[in-house]
C-alpha atoms as a PDB file:
ATOM      1  CA  UNK A   1     107.676 112.390 117.088  1.00  0.00           C
ATOM      2  CA  UNK A   2     109.970 110.930 114.381  1.00  0.00           C
ATOM      3  CA  UNK A   3     110.138 112.273 110.818  1.00  0.00           C
ATOM      4  CA  UNK A   4     107.846 109.566 109.433  1.00  0.00           C
ATOM      5  CA  UNK A   5     105.208 110.271 112.060  1.00  0.00           C
ATOM      6  CA  UNK A   6     105.440 114.016 111.456  1.00  0.00           C
ATOM      7  CA  UNK A   7     104.948 113.526 107.722  1.00  0.00           C
ATOM      8  CA  UNK A   8     102.172 110.959 108.143  1.00  0.00           C
ATOM      9  CA  UNK A   9     100.231 113.232 110.508  1.00  0.00           C
ATOM     10  CA  UNK A  10     100.696 116.381 108.409  1.00  0.00           C
ATOM     11  CA  UNK A  11      97.746 115.868 106.054  1.00  0.00           C
ATOM     12  CA  UNK A  12      94.807 116.697 108.331  1.00  0.00           C
ATOM     13  CA  UNK A  13      95.008 120.504 107.992  1.00  0.00           C
ATOM     14  CA  UNK A  14      94.970 120.239 104.168  1.00  0.00           C
ATOM     15  CA  UNK A  15      92.357 117.479 103.883  1.00  0.00           C
ATOM     16  CA  UNK A  16      90.182 119.562 101.527  1.00  0.00           C
ATOM     17  CA  UNK A  17      93.135 120.209  99.180  1.00  0.00           C
ATOM     18  CA  UNK A  18      94.027 116.518  99.350  1.00  0.00           C
ATOM     19  CA  UNK A  19      90.477 115.564  98.360  1.00  0.00           C
ATOM     20  CA  UNK A  20      90.403 118.031  95.448  1.00  0.00           C
ATOM     21  CA  UNK A  21      93.911 117.464  94.153  1.00  0.00           C
ATOM     22  CA  UNK A  22      94.942 113.862  94.668  1.00  0.00           C
ATOM     23  CA  UNK A  23      94.217 111.302  91.954  1.00  0.00           C
ATOM     24  CA  UNK A  24      92.448 107.977  92.281  1.00  0.00           C
ATOM     25  CA  UNK A  25      93.991 104.711  91.103  1.00  0.00           C
ATOM     26  CA  UNK A  26      93.767 102.769  87.830  1.00  0.00           C
ATOM     27  CA  UNK A  27      91.216  99.972  87.827  1.00  0.00           C
ATOM     28  CA  UNK A  28      93.852  97.651  86.358  1.00  0.00           C
ATOM     29  CA  UNK A  29      95.834  98.064  89.573  1.00  0.00           C
ATOM     30  CA  UNK A  30      92.797  97.172  91.681  1.00  0.00           C
ATOM     31  CA  UNK A  31      92.149  94.140  89.470  1.00  0.00           C
ATOM     32  CA  UNK A  32      95.663  92.930  90.302  1.00  0.00           C
ATOM     33  CA  UNK A  33      95.588  93.815  94.003  1.00  0.00           C
ATOM     34  CA  UNK A  34      92.196  92.376  94.923  1.00  0.00           C
ATOM     35  CA  UNK A  35      91.631  88.622  95.195  1.00  0.00           C
ATOM     36  CA  UNK A  36      88.812  87.015  93.253  1.00  0.00           C
ATOM     37  CA  UNK A  37      85.290  86.842  94.614  1.00  0.00           C
ATOM     38  CA  UNK A  38      83.753  89.251  97.103  1.00  0.00           C
ATOM     39  CA  UNK A  39      86.434  89.861  99.729  1.00  0.00           C
ATOM     40  CA  UNK A  40      85.882  92.006 102.811  1.00  0.00           C
ATOM     41  CA  UNK A  41      88.257  94.946 102.344  1.00  0.00           C
ATOM     42  CA  UNK A  42      89.975  97.334 104.732  1.00  0.00           C
ATOM     43  CA  UNK A  43      91.354 100.555 103.230  1.00  0.00           C
ATOM     44  CA  UNK A  44      94.131 101.319 105.716  1.00  0.00           C
ATOM     45  CA  UNK A  45      95.516 104.854 105.692  1.00  0.00           C
ATOM     46  CA  UNK A  46      92.431 105.723 103.667  1.00  0.00           C
ATOM     47  CA  UNK A  47      92.895 109.491 103.723  1.00  0.00           C
ATOM     48  CA  UNK A  48      89.876 111.172 102.142  1.00  0.00           C
ATOM     49  CA  UNK A  49      88.697 107.918 100.576  1.00  0.00           C
ATOM     50  CA  UNK A  50      90.174 108.074  97.087  1.00  0.00           C
ATOM     51  CA  UNK A  51      90.610 104.296  97.054  1.00  0.00           C
ATOM     52  CA  UNK A  52      87.648 103.617  99.354  1.00  0.00           C
ATOM     53  CA  UNK A  53      85.115 104.876  96.823  1.00  0.00           C
ATOM     54  CA  UNK A  54      86.604 102.733  94.053  1.00  0.00           C
ATOM     55  CA  UNK A  55      86.368  99.639  96.243  1.00  0.00           C
ATOM     56  CA  UNK A  56      82.751 100.420  97.141  1.00  0.00           C
ATOM     57  CA  UNK A  57      81.935 101.027  93.464  1.00  0.00           C
ATOM     58  CA  UNK A  58      82.838  97.367  92.885  1.00  0.00           C
ATOM     59  CA  UNK A  59      80.090  96.378  95.314  1.00  0.00           C
ATOM     60  CA  UNK A  60      82.532  95.196  97.981  1.00  0.00           C
ATOM     61  CA  UNK A  61      82.251  95.658 101.721  1.00  0.00           C
ATOM     62  CA  UNK A  62      84.924  98.161 102.777  1.00  0.00           C
ATOM     63  CA  UNK A  63      86.005  99.709 106.056  1.00  0.00           C
ATOM     64  CA  UNK A  64      88.162 102.849 105.969  1.00  0.00           C
ATOM     65  CA  UNK A  65      90.796 103.512 108.649  1.00  0.00           C
ATOM     66  CA  UNK A  66      93.006 106.581 109.031  1.00  0.00           C
ATOM     67  CA  UNK A  67      94.830 108.291 111.923  1.00  0.00           C
ATOM     68  CA  UNK A  68      93.691 111.814 110.981  1.00  0.00           C
ATOM     69  CA  UNK A  69      90.253 113.074 112.108  1.00  0.00           C
ATOM     70  CA  UNK A  70      90.410 115.780 109.436  1.00  0.00           C
ATOM     71  CA  UNK A  71      90.948 113.252 106.669  1.00  0.00           C
ATOM     72  CA  UNK A  72      88.170 111.025 108.016  1.00  0.00           C
ATOM     73  CA  UNK A  73      85.758 113.989 108.050  1.00  0.00           C
ATOM     74  CA  UNK A  74      86.427 114.522 104.336  1.00  0.00           C
ATOM     75  CA  UNK A  75      86.059 110.774 103.710  1.00  0.00           C
ATOM     76  CA  UNK A  76      82.669 110.671 105.417  1.00  0.00           C
ATOM     77  CA  UNK A  77      81.473 113.525 103.206  1.00  0.00           C
ATOM     78  CA  UNK A  78      82.865 111.935 100.040  1.00  0.00           C
ATOM     79  CA  UNK A  79      81.864 108.335 100.768  1.00  0.00           C
ATOM     80  CA  UNK A  80      78.846 108.432 103.094  1.00  0.00           C
ATOM     81  CA  UNK A  81      77.757 105.187 104.686  1.00  0.00           C
ATOM     82  CA  UNK A  82      81.179 103.518 104.674  1.00  0.00           C
ATOM     83  CA  UNK A  83      82.466 102.614 108.169  1.00  0.00           C
ATOM     84  CA  UNK A  84      85.292 105.071 108.912  1.00  0.00           C
ATOM     85  CA  UNK A  85      87.458 104.479 111.976  1.00  0.00           C
ATOM     86  CA  UNK A  86      90.444 106.217 113.487  1.00  0.00           C
ATOM     87  CA  UNK A  87      93.467 103.938 113.671  1.00  0.00           C
ATOM     88  CA  UNK A  88      96.840 103.073 112.197  1.00  0.00           C
ATOM     89  CA  UNK A  89      98.646 100.130 110.639  1.00  0.00           C
ATOM     90  CA  UNK A  90     100.222  99.405 113.999  1.00  0.00           C
ATOM     91  CA  UNK A  91      96.909  99.642 115.897  1.00  0.00           C
ATOM     92  CA  UNK A  92      93.866  98.577 113.847  1.00  0.00           C
ATOM     93  CA  UNK A  93      90.490  98.950 115.622  1.00  0.00           C
ATOM     94  CA  UNK A  94      89.052  95.686 114.254  1.00  0.00           C
ATOM     95  CA  UNK A  95      88.702  92.164 115.666  1.00  0.00           C
ATOM     96  CA  UNK A  96      90.774  89.177 114.560  1.00  0.00           C
ATOM     97  CA  UNK A  97      89.903  87.846 111.108  1.00  0.00           C
ATOM     98  CA  UNK A  98      87.643  90.809 110.248  1.00  0.00           C
ATOM     99  CA  UNK A  99      88.898  91.207 106.653  1.00  0.00           C
ATOM    100  CA  UNK A 100      90.043  89.193 103.658  1.00  0.00           C
ATOM    101  CA  UNK A 101      92.273  91.899 102.184  1.00  0.00           C
ATOM    102  CA  UNK A 102      93.916  95.055 103.520  1.00  0.00           C
ATOM    103  CA  UNK A 103      94.884  97.687 100.954  1.00  0.00           C
ATOM    104  CA  UNK A 104      97.163 100.644 101.602  1.00  0.00           C
ATOM    105  CA  UNK A 105      97.485 103.447  99.045  1.00  0.00           C
ATOM    106  CA  UNK A 106     100.368 105.936  99.326  1.00  0.00           C
ATOM    107  CA  UNK A 107     100.874 104.892 102.947  1.00  0.00           C
ATOM    108  CA  UNK A 108     103.143 101.880 103.579  1.00  0.00           C
ATOM    109  CA  UNK A 109     106.275 104.048 103.680  1.00  0.00           C
ATOM    110  CA  UNK A 110     104.842 105.806 106.758  1.00  0.00           C
ATOM    111  CA  UNK A 111     104.549 102.637 108.870  1.00  0.00           C
ATOM    112  CA  UNK A 112     106.855 100.464 110.948  1.00  0.00           C
ATOM    113  CA  UNK A 113     106.738  97.138 109.048  1.00  0.00           C
ATOM    114  CA  UNK A 114     107.932  95.125 112.047  1.00  0.00           C
ATOM    115  CA  UNK A 115     104.842  96.229 113.992  1.00  0.00           C
ATOM    116  CA  UNK A 116     102.416  96.726 111.112  1.00  0.00           C
ATOM    117  CA  UNK A 117     102.780  93.344 109.380  1.00  0.00           C
ATOM    118  CA  UNK A 118     101.734  91.247 112.425  1.00  0.00           C
ATOM    119  CA  UNK A 119      98.886  93.638 113.253  1.00  0.00           C
ATOM    120  CA  UNK A 120      97.551  93.524 109.688  1.00  0.00           C
ATOM    121  CA  UNK A 121      97.880  89.734 109.706  1.00  0.00           C
ATOM    122  CA  UNK A 122      95.815  89.644 112.903  1.00  0.00           C
ATOM    123  CA  UNK A 123      92.779  91.260 111.252  1.00  0.00           C
ATOM    124  CA  UNK A 124      93.037  89.094 108.121  1.00  0.00           C
ATOM    125  CA  UNK A 125      91.423  85.722 107.537  1.00  0.00           C
ATOM    126  CA  UNK A 126      93.711  82.725 106.733  1.00  0.00           C
ATOM    127  CA  UNK A 127      95.143  83.218 103.252  1.00  0.00           C
ATOM    128  CA  UNK A 128      94.312  86.934 103.455  1.00  0.00           C
ATOM    129  CA  UNK A 129      96.172  89.532 101.414  1.00  0.00           C
ATOM    130  CA  UNK A 130      98.013  92.799 101.993  1.00  0.00           C
ATOM    131  CA  UNK A 131      98.077  94.995  98.880  1.00  0.00           C
ATOM    132  CA  UNK A 132     100.076  98.211  98.445  1.00  0.00           C
ATOM    133  CA  UNK A 133      99.878 100.869  95.733  1.00  0.00           C
ATOM    134  CA  UNK A 134     101.658 104.142  95.025  1.00  0.00           C
ATOM    135  CA  UNK A 135     100.981 106.649  92.253  1.00  0.00           C
ATOM    136  CA  UNK A 136     104.301 107.955  90.909  1.00  0.00           C
ATOM    137  CA  UNK A 137     104.391 110.798  88.397  1.00  0.00           C
ATOM    138  CA  UNK A 138     105.853 109.648  85.078  1.00  0.00           C
ATOM    139  CA  UNK A 139     108.649 112.165  84.583  1.00  0.00           C
ATOM    140  CA  UNK A 140     109.449 111.024  81.054  1.00  0.00           C
ATOM    141  CA  UNK A 141     107.042 113.822  80.027  1.00  0.00           C
ATOM    142  CA  UNK A 142     108.903 117.144  79.952  1.00  0.00           C
ATOM    143  CA  UNK A 143     106.488 119.295  81.954  1.00  0.00           C
ATOM    144  CA  UNK A 144     106.153 116.557  84.587  1.00  0.00           C
ATOM    145  CA  UNK A 145     109.930 116.356  84.866  1.00  0.00           C
ATOM    146  CA  UNK A 146     110.038 120.134  85.331  1.00  0.00           C
ATOM    147  CA  UNK A 147     107.313 119.885  87.981  1.00  0.00           C
ATOM    148  CA  UNK A 148     109.495 117.383  89.813  1.00  0.00           C
ATOM    149  CA  UNK A 149     112.391 119.830  89.747  1.00  0.00           C
ATOM    150  CA  UNK A 150     110.147 122.398  91.439  1.00  0.00           C
ATOM    151  CA  UNK A 151     108.488 120.247  94.104  1.00  0.00           C
ATOM    152  CA  UNK A 152     110.866 117.287  94.404  1.00  0.00           C
ATOM    153  CA  UNK A 153     111.430 114.466  91.947  1.00  0.00           C
ATOM    154  CA  UNK A 154     109.710 111.146  92.484  1.00  0.00           C
ATOM    155  CA  UNK A 155     111.697 108.555  94.378  1.00  0.00           C
ATOM    156  CA  UNK A 156     113.152 105.680  92.389  1.00  0.00           C
ATOM    157  CA  UNK A 157     110.667 103.364  94.072  1.00  0.00           C
ATOM    158  CA  UNK A 158     108.701 103.039  97.304  1.00  0.00           C
ATOM    159  CA  UNK A 159     109.769 100.865 100.232  1.00  0.00           C
ATOM    160  CA  UNK A 160     107.887  97.587  99.844  1.00  0.00           C
ATOM    161  CA  UNK A 161     109.467  95.251 102.416  1.00  0.00           C
ATOM    162  CA  UNK A 162     106.645  93.495 104.297  1.00  0.00           C
ATOM    163  CA  UNK A 163     108.119  90.444 105.996  1.00  0.00           C
ATOM    164  CA  UNK A 164     106.604  87.678 108.135  1.00  0.00           C
ATOM    165  CA  UNK A 165     104.050  86.316 108.599  1.00  0.00           C
ATOM    166  CA  UNK A 166     103.321  87.208 104.959  1.00  0.00           C
ATOM    167  CA  UNK A 167     104.595  85.134 102.068  1.00  0.00           C
ATOM    168  CA  UNK A 168     106.661  86.214  99.039  1.00  0.00           C
ATOM    169  CA  UNK A 169     106.128  89.675  97.589  1.00  0.00           C
ATOM    170  CA  UNK A 170     104.659  90.085  94.104  1.00  0.00           C
ATOM    171  CA  UNK A 171     105.065  93.366  92.240  1.00  0.00           C
ATOM    172  CA  UNK A 172     103.506  94.996  89.173  1.00  0.00           C
ATOM    173  CA  UNK A 173     103.259  98.457  87.581  1.00  0.00           C
ATOM    174  CA  UNK A 174     100.459 100.068  85.576  1.00  0.00           C
ATOM    175  CA  UNK A 175     100.758 103.193  83.435  1.00  0.00           C
ATOM    176  CA  UNK A 176      97.783 105.527  83.370  1.00  0.00           C
ATOM    177  CA  UNK A 177      96.855 109.172  82.795  1.00  0.00           C
ATOM    178  CA  UNK A 178      94.763 111.620  84.791  1.00  0.00           C
ATOM    179  CA  UNK A 179      93.215 114.750  83.304  1.00  0.00           C
ATOM    180  CA  UNK A 180      93.326 117.841  85.495  1.00  0.00           C
ATOM    181  CA  UNK A 181      93.606 121.627  85.320  1.00  0.00           C
ATOM    182  CA  UNK A 182      95.804 124.293  86.932  1.00  0.00           C
ATOM    183  CA  UNK A 183      93.712 124.604  90.111  1.00  0.00           C
ATOM    184  CA  UNK A 184      93.771 120.872  90.815  1.00  0.00           C
ATOM    185  CA  UNK A 185      97.487 120.814  90.081  1.00  0.00           C
ATOM    186  CA  UNK A 186      98.002 123.403  92.825  1.00  0.00           C
ATOM    187  CA  UNK A 187      95.844 121.382  95.219  1.00  0.00           C
ATOM    188  CA  UNK A 188      97.832 118.240  94.423  1.00  0.00           C
ATOM    189  CA  UNK A 189     101.119 119.993  95.160  1.00  0.00           C
ATOM    190  CA  UNK A 190      99.783 121.753  98.281  1.00  0.00           C
ATOM    191  CA  UNK A 191      98.661 118.413  99.743  1.00  0.00           C
ATOM    192  CA  UNK A 192     102.114 116.807  99.607  1.00  0.00           C
ATOM    193  CA  UNK A 193     103.690 116.317 103.018  1.00  0.00           C
ATOM    194  CA  UNK A 194     107.020 117.961 102.202  1.00  0.00           C
ATOM    195  CA  UNK A 195     105.152 121.081 101.006  1.00  0.00           C
ATOM    196  CA  UNK A 196     102.850 121.143 104.046  1.00  0.00           C
ATOM    197  CA  UNK A 197     105.845 121.072 106.392  1.00  0.00           C
ATOM    198  CA  UNK A 198     107.617 124.014 104.733  1.00  0.00           C
ATOM    199  CA  UNK A 199     107.678 127.485 106.253  1.00  0.00           C
ATOM    200  CA  UNK A 200     104.782 129.588 104.871  1.00  0.00           C
ATOM    201  CA  UNK A 201     107.079 131.747 102.743  1.00  0.00           C
ATOM    202  CA  UNK A 202     108.818 128.708 101.264  1.00  0.00           C
ATOM    203  CA  UNK A 203     105.476 127.038 100.533  1.00  0.00           C
ATOM    204  CA  UNK A 204     104.135 130.165  98.815  1.00  0.00           C
ATOM    205  CA  UNK A 205     107.266 130.391  96.661  1.00  0.00           C
ATOM    206  CA  UNK A 206     106.926 126.766  95.514  1.00  0.00           C
ATOM    207  CA  UNK A 207     103.221 127.143  94.689  1.00  0.00           C
ATOM    208  CA  UNK A 208     103.917 130.335  92.752  1.00  0.00           C
ATOM    209  CA  UNK A 209     106.568 128.493  90.751  1.00  0.00           C
ATOM    210  CA  UNK A 210     104.040 125.743  89.950  1.00  0.00           C
ATOM    211  CA  UNK A 211     101.549 128.398  88.790  1.00  0.00           C
ATOM    212  CA  UNK A 212     104.255 129.891  86.584  1.00  0.00           C
ATOM    213  CA  UNK A 213     104.999 126.459  85.121  1.00  0.00           C
ATOM    214  CA  UNK A 214     101.318 125.858  84.349  1.00  0.00           C
ATOM    215  CA  UNK A 215     100.990 129.224  82.619  1.00  0.00           C
ATOM    216  CA  UNK A 216     104.233 129.203  80.602  1.00  0.00           C
ATOM    217  CA  UNK A 217     105.327 125.659  79.757  1.00  0.00           C
ATOM    218  CA  UNK A 218     104.714 124.938  76.040  1.00  0.00           C
ATOM    219  CA  UNK A 219     102.835 121.719  76.843  1.00  0.00           C
ATOM    220  CA  UNK A 220     100.455 123.549  79.228  1.00  0.00           C
ATOM    221  CA  UNK A 221     100.172 127.217  78.272  1.00  0.00           C
ATOM    222  CA  UNK A 222      96.622 128.360  77.551  1.00  0.00           C
ATOM    223  CA  UNK A 223      95.088 124.999  78.444  1.00  0.00           C
ATOM    224  CA  UNK A 224      92.318 124.516  81.000  1.00  0.00           C
ATOM    225  CA  UNK A 225      92.961 120.746  81.150  1.00  0.00           C
ATOM    226  CA  UNK A 226      96.005 118.605  80.537  1.00  0.00           C
ATOM    227  CA  UNK A 227      97.191 115.026  81.011  1.00  0.00           C
ATOM    228  CA  UNK A 228      99.339 114.050  83.985  1.00  0.00           C
ATOM    229  CA  UNK A 229     100.857 110.603  83.377  1.00  0.00           C
ATOM    230  CA  UNK A 230     101.350 108.272  86.332  1.00  0.00           C
ATOM    231  CA  UNK A 231     102.822 104.867  87.021  1.00  0.00           C
ATOM    232  CA  UNK A 232     100.935 102.911  89.704  1.00  0.00           C
ATOM    233  CA  UNK A 233     103.513 100.747  91.472  1.00  0.00           C
ATOM    234  CA  UNK A 234     101.839  97.829  93.260  1.00  0.00           C
ATOM    235  CA  UNK A 235     102.904  95.071  95.633  1.00  0.00           C
ATOM    236  CA  UNK A 236     100.982  92.232  97.271  1.00  0.00           C
ATOM    237  CA  UNK A 237     101.677  89.411  99.699  1.00  0.00           C
ATOM    238  CA  UNK A 238      99.401  86.688 101.097  1.00  0.00           C
ATOM    239  CA  UNK A 239      99.201  84.922 104.435  1.00  0.00           C
ATOM    240  CA  UNK A 240      99.499  81.135 104.589  1.00  0.00           C
ATOM    241  CA  UNK A 241      96.164  79.330 104.454  1.00  0.00           C
END
């Protein structure tokens, strides 16, 4: 198993922490990613359904797909009634032309674009869209920058190459803020792949350092809730009609 596969498959054992700790996505990002009308949507790499529930809340038909049974179990509890299938970007368990848009949140960097792009195109209708979104912590805020020093700073930008048969790539970013408390902060950190793959003693040391940050940093000390600023980086590309 290569490093990407190991990271991508690491989330199942911490699905409950992922569900509690990970944020959703700003509605402005979904407005930009989704085409007009009432498209049929596939949430690919859906995890515990953070994006799935937002799509369903818009009254759209959505099918969730993820490679991890543990993540899909959490998704079915969180978003009952939504079709939830085991699969990957390189092997989608849907017929040709089954969707009008495929969205992937926090997941495109785990896939092989040369295999994934044609497979996604197969399940899309003519003119269909692939939309990608990543939440990146905004480290211009001091405590968020310090958090990055503890758990790993955010990358300068996600890998967004898509390639044929999709057309030109469009990109946009949306600033937003999530409110959370110390417990959810720990769950968010514990659900990150690089933390999951640490040795138990290393993982415990990192989580203890995050607890110390939450209890001592001047912007956080004594607070039961605080703002975590994000930047949602988005990309989209359409098939020819």
